PDB file of N, CA and C in Angstrom:
ATOM      1  N   MET A   1       0.838  -1.167  -0.002  1.00  0.00           N
ATOM      2  CA  MET A   1       0.002   0.000   0.003  1.00  0.00           C
ATOM      3  C   MET A   1       0.889   1.242   0.002  1.00  0.00           C
ATOM      4  N   SER A   2       0.616   2.163  -0.872  1.00  0.00           N
ATOM      5  CA  SER A   2       1.428   3.360  -1.013  1.00  0.00           C
ATOM      6  C   SER A   2       0.914   4.457  -0.080  1.00  0.00           C
ATOM      7  N   ALA A   3       1.824   5.145   0.596  1.00  0.00           N
ATOM      8  CA  ALA A   3       1.459   6.220   1.523  1.00  0.00           C
ATOM      9  C   ALA A   3       1.203   7.507   0.746  1.00  0.00           C
ATOM     10  N   GLN A   4       0.214   8.263   1.192  1.00  0.00           N
ATOM     11  CA  GLN A   4      -0.074   9.562   0.595  1.00  0.00           C
ATOM     12  C   GLN A   4       0.936  10.565   1.124  1.00  0.00           C
ATOM     13  N   VAL A   5       1.529  11.330   0.251  1.00  0.00           N
ATOM     14  CA  VAL A   5       2.481  12.359   0.633  1.00  0.00           C
ATOM     15  C   VAL A   5       1.841  13.713   0.383  1.00  0.00           C
ATOM     16  N   GLU A   6       1.783  14.546   1.431  1.00  0.00           N
ATOM     17  CA  GLU A   6       1.241  15.887   1.268  1.00  0.00           C
ATOM     18  C   GLU A   6       2.368  16.798   0.804  1.00  0.00           C
ATOM     19  N   HIS A   7       2.124  17.493  -0.290  1.00  0.00           N
ATOM     20  CA  HIS A   7       3.123  18.411  -0.836  1.00  0.00           C
ATOM     21  C   HIS A   7       2.812  19.821  -0.385  1.00  0.00           C
ATOM     22  N   THR A   8       3.816  20.527   0.074  1.00  0.00           N
ATOM     23  CA  THR A   8       3.678  21.938   0.387  1.00  0.00           C
ATOM     24  C   THR A   8       4.554  22.700  -0.588  1.00  0.00           C
ATOM     25  N   THR A   9       3.957  23.666  -1.251  1.00  0.00           N
ATOM     26  CA  THR A   9       4.654  24.441  -2.268  1.00  0.00           C
ATOM     27  C   THR A   9       4.687  25.909  -1.857  1.00  0.00           C
ATOM     28  N   LEU A  10       5.856  26.527  -1.888  1.00  0.00           N
ATOM     29  CA  LEU A  10       5.987  27.952  -1.664  1.00  0.00           C
ATOM     30  C   LEU A  10       5.938  28.618  -3.035  1.00  0.00           C
ATOM     31  N   MET A  11       5.022  29.566  -3.181  1.00  0.00           N
ATOM     32  CA  MET A  11       4.807  30.164  -4.498  1.00  0.00           C
ATOM     33  C   MET A  11       4.923  31.675  -4.441  1.00  0.00           C
ATOM     34  N   THR A  12       5.661  32.224  -5.382  1.00  0.00           N
ATOM     35  CA  THR A  12       5.675  33.666  -5.596  1.00  0.00           C
ATOM     36  C   THR A  12       4.982  33.910  -6.940  1.00  0.00           C
ATOM     37  N   GLY A  13       4.419  35.072  -7.110  1.00  0.00           N
ATOM     38  CA  GLY A  13       3.770  35.380  -8.371  1.00  0.00           C
ATOM     39  C   GLY A  13       2.373  34.811  -8.493  1.00  0.00           C
ATOM     40  N   ALA A  14       1.780  34.395  -7.380  1.00  0.00           N
ATOM     41  CA  ALA A  14       0.452  33.777  -7.418  1.00  0.00           C
ATOM     42  C   ALA A  14      -0.630  34.730  -7.903  1.00  0.00           C
ATOM     43  N   THR A  15      -0.410  36.029  -7.773  1.00  0.00           N
ATOM     44  CA  THR A  15      -1.414  36.998  -8.208  1.00  0.00           C
ATOM     45  C   THR A  15      -1.211  37.447  -9.645  1.00  0.00           C
ATOM     46  N   GLY A  16      -0.196  36.939 -10.295  1.00  0.00           N
ATOM     47  CA  GLY A  16       0.094  37.328 -11.673  1.00  0.00           C
ATOM     48  C   GLY A  16      -0.790  36.624 -12.678  1.00  0.00           C
ATOM     49  N   PHE A  17      -0.641  37.008 -13.928  1.00  0.00           N
ATOM     50  CA  PHE A  17      -1.473  36.467 -15.007  1.00  0.00           C
ATOM     51  C   PHE A  17      -1.380  34.940 -15.085  1.00  0.00           C
ATOM     52  N   LEU A  18      -0.184  34.399 -15.084  1.00  0.00           N
ATOM     53  CA  LEU A  18      -0.029  32.942 -15.158  1.00  0.00           C
ATOM     54  C   LEU A  18      -0.115  32.291 -13.784  1.00  0.00           C
ATOM     55  N   GLY A  19       0.285  33.039 -12.761  1.00  0.00           N
ATOM     56  CA  GLY A  19       0.325  32.485 -11.415  1.00  0.00           C
ATOM     57  C   GLY A  19      -1.003  31.958 -10.928  1.00  0.00           C
ATOM     58  N   ILE A  20      -2.089  32.634 -11.262  1.00  0.00           N
ATOM     59  CA  ILE A  20      -3.400  32.194 -10.802  1.00  0.00           C
ATOM     60  C   ILE A  20      -3.741  30.805 -11.355  1.00  0.00           C
ATOM     61  N   TYR A  21      -3.323  30.550 -12.581  1.00  0.00           N
ATOM     62  CA  TYR A  21      -3.586  29.228 -13.178  1.00  0.00           C
ATOM     63  C   TYR A  21      -2.698  28.148 -12.560  1.00  0.00           C
ATOM     64  N   VAL A  22      -1.465  28.492 -12.297  1.00  0.00           N
ATOM     65  CA  VAL A  22      -0.551  27.553 -11.643  1.00  0.00           C
ATOM     66  C   VAL A  22      -1.071  27.236 -10.244  1.00  0.00           C
ATOM     67  N   LEU A  23      -1.503  28.266  -9.525  1.00  0.00           N
ATOM     68  CA  LEU A  23      -2.036  28.078  -8.172  1.00  0.00           C
ATOM     69  C   LEU A  23      -3.246  27.162  -8.178  1.00  0.00           C
ATOM     70  N   ARG A  24      -4.181  27.405  -9.067  1.00  0.00           N
ATOM     71  CA  ARG A  24      -5.376  26.537  -9.160  1.00  0.00           C
ATOM     72  C   ARG A  24      -4.985  25.099  -9.434  1.00  0.00           C
ATOM     73  N   ASP A  25      -4.055  24.903 -10.351  1.00  0.00           N
ATOM     74  CA  ASP A  25      -3.630  23.547 -10.691  1.00  0.00           C
ATOM     75  C   ASP A  25      -2.997  22.839  -9.488  1.00  0.00           C
ATOM     76  N   LEU A  26      -2.139  23.541  -8.774  1.00  0.00           N
ATOM     77  CA  LEU A  26      -1.518  22.951  -7.590  1.00  0.00           C
ATOM     78  C   LEU A  26      -2.571  22.561  -6.554  1.00  0.00           C
ATOM     79  N   LEU A  27      -3.540  23.446  -6.315  1.00  0.00           N
ATOM     80  CA  LEU A  27      -4.580  23.160  -5.337  1.00  0.00           C
ATOM     81  C   LEU A  27      -5.430  21.963  -5.776  1.00  0.00           C
ATOM     82  N   GLU A  28      -5.750  21.882  -7.061  1.00  0.00           N
ATOM     83  CA  GLU A  28      -6.528  20.752  -7.568  1.00  0.00           C
ATOM     84  C   GLU A  28      -5.782  19.430  -7.415  1.00  0.00           C
ATOM     85  N   ARG A  29      -4.461  19.495  -7.452  1.00  0.00           N
ATOM     86  CA  ARG A  29      -3.639  18.283  -7.306  1.00  0.00           C
ATOM     87  C   ARG A  29      -3.382  17.921  -5.851  1.00  0.00           C
ATOM     88  N   GLY A  30      -3.955  18.713  -4.936  1.00  0.00           N
ATOM     89  CA  GLY A  30      -3.842  18.382  -3.525  1.00  0.00           C
ATOM     90  C   GLY A  30      -2.665  18.994  -2.802  1.00  0.00           C
ATOM     91  N   HIS A  31      -1.964  19.912  -3.452  1.00  0.00           N
ATOM     92  CA  HIS A  31      -0.837  20.566  -2.786  1.00  0.00           C
ATOM     93  C   HIS A  31      -1.339  21.569  -1.761  1.00  0.00           C
ATOM     94  N   ARG A  32      -0.576  21.728  -0.711  1.00  0.00           N
ATOM     95  CA  ARG A  32      -0.788  22.817   0.238  1.00  0.00           C
ATOM     96  C   ARG A  32       0.096  23.940  -0.290  1.00  0.00           C
ATOM     97  N   VAL A  33      -0.476  25.113  -0.547  1.00  0.00           N
ATOM     98  CA  VAL A  33       0.275  26.201  -1.157  1.00  0.00           C
ATOM     99  C   VAL A  33       0.416  27.353  -0.167  1.00  0.00           C
ATOM    100  N   VAL A  34       1.657  27.809  -0.013  1.00  0.00           N
ATOM    101  CA  VAL A  34       1.939  29.011   0.746  1.00  0.00           C
ATOM    102  C   VAL A  34       2.373  30.047  -0.280  1.00  0.00           C
ATOM    103  N   ALA A  35       1.564  31.096  -0.430  1.00  0.00           N
ATOM    104  CA  ALA A  35       1.847  32.108  -1.446  1.00  0.00           C
ATOM    105  C   ALA A  35       2.330  33.392  -0.791  1.00  0.00           C
ATOM    106  N   LEU A  36       3.420  33.928  -1.307  1.00  0.00           N
ATOM    107  CA  LEU A  36       3.901  35.233  -0.856  1.00  0.00           C
ATOM    108  C   LEU A  36       3.104  36.293  -1.596  1.00  0.00           C
ATOM    109  N   LEU A  37       2.461  37.181  -0.818  1.00  0.00           N
ATOM    110  CA  LEU A  37       1.619  38.201  -1.417  1.00  0.00           C
ATOM    111  C   LEU A  37       2.060  39.580  -0.984  1.00  0.00           C
ATOM    112  N   ARG A  38       1.649  40.568  -1.753  1.00  0.00           N
ATOM    113  CA  ARG A  38       1.914  41.957  -1.413  1.00  0.00           C
ATOM    114  C   ARG A  38       1.000  42.373  -0.265  1.00  0.00           C
ATOM    115  N   PRO A  39       1.176  43.592   0.251  1.00  0.00           N
ATOM    116  CA  PRO A  39       0.320  44.070   1.344  1.00  0.00           C
ATOM    117  C   PRO A  39      -1.169  43.908   1.029  1.00  0.00           C
ATOM    118  N   PRO A  40      -2.015  43.813   2.059  1.00  0.00           N
ATOM    119  CA  PRO A  40      -3.446  43.514   1.892  1.00  0.00           C
ATOM    120  C   PRO A  40      -4.222  44.414   0.938  1.00  0.00           C
ATOM    121  N   LEU A  41      -3.817  45.619   0.717  1.00  0.00           N
ATOM    122  CA  LEU A  41      -4.577  46.524  -0.148  1.00  0.00           C
ATOM    123  C   LEU A  41      -4.256  46.355  -1.621  1.00  0.00           C
ATOM    124  N   SER A  42      -3.395  45.422  -1.947  1.00  0.00           N
ATOM    125  CA  SER A  42      -3.022  45.203  -3.338  1.00  0.00           C
ATOM    126  C   SER A  42      -4.229  44.755  -4.160  1.00  0.00           C
ATOM    127  N   SER A  43      -4.456  45.377  -5.291  1.00  0.00           N
ATOM    128  CA  SER A  43      -5.578  44.991  -6.160  1.00  0.00           C
ATOM    129  C   SER A  43      -5.392  43.582  -6.693  1.00  0.00           C
ATOM    130  N   ASN A  44      -4.136  43.156  -6.874  1.00  0.00           N
ATOM    131  CA  ASN A  44      -3.894  41.796  -7.345  1.00  0.00           C
ATOM    132  C   ASN A  44      -4.321  40.769  -6.300  1.00  0.00           C
ATOM    133  N   ARG A  45      -4.131  41.083  -5.039  1.00  0.00           N
ATOM    134  CA  ARG A  45      -4.530  40.146  -3.988  1.00  0.00           C
ATOM    135  C   ARG A  45      -6.050  40.009  -3.987  1.00  0.00           C
ATOM    136  N   ARG A  46      -6.768  41.130  -4.135  1.00  0.00           N
ATOM    137  CA  ARG A  46      -8.228  41.060  -4.196  1.00  0.00           C
ATOM    138  C   ARG A  46      -8.674  40.221  -5.387  1.00  0.00           C
ATOM    139  N   ARG A  47      -7.988  40.375  -6.510  1.00  0.00           N
ATOM    140  CA  ARG A  47      -8.326  39.597  -7.720  1.00  0.00           C
ATOM    141  C   ARG A  47      -8.104  38.112  -7.454  1.00  0.00           C
ATOM    142  N   LEU A  48      -7.029  37.784  -6.764  1.00  0.00           N
ATOM    143  CA  LEU A  48      -6.731  36.377  -6.422  1.00  0.00           C
ATOM    144  C   LEU A  48      -7.842  35.806  -5.538  1.00  0.00           C
ATOM    145  N   GLN A  49      -8.233  36.550  -4.532  1.00  0.00           N
ATOM    146  CA  GLN A  49      -9.284  36.081  -3.632  1.00  0.00           C
ATOM    147  C   GLN A  49     -10.593  35.895  -4.382  1.00  0.00           C
ATOM    148  N   ASP A  50     -10.900  36.759  -5.320  1.00  0.00           N
ATOM    149  CA  ASP A  50     -12.121  36.662  -6.081  1.00  0.00           C
ATOM    150  C   ASP A  50     -12.134  35.448  -7.001  1.00  0.00           C
ATOM    151  N   GLN A  51     -10.970  35.053  -7.502  1.00  0.00           N
ATOM    152  CA  GLN A  51     -10.899  33.963  -8.481  1.00  0.00           C
ATOM    153  C   GLN A  51     -10.815  32.589  -7.853  1.00  0.00           C
ATOM    154  N   LEU A  52     -10.518  32.507  -6.574  1.00  0.00           N
ATOM    155  CA  LEU A  52     -10.428  31.194  -5.908  1.00  0.00           C
ATOM    156  C   LEU A  52     -11.724  30.763  -5.311  1.00  0.00           C
TER     157      LEU A  52
END
């Protein structure tokens, strides 16, 4: 029996044009993602929250 391995990925650029797609793919594959983000008022961060 094979053991499940939880992957944790540190990601930069998660709020960028391609980053949002990479982030979604990682989450769908079961990765735990830690994303480095700009300060809370960043419009890109709001866009990321809206798309997830």
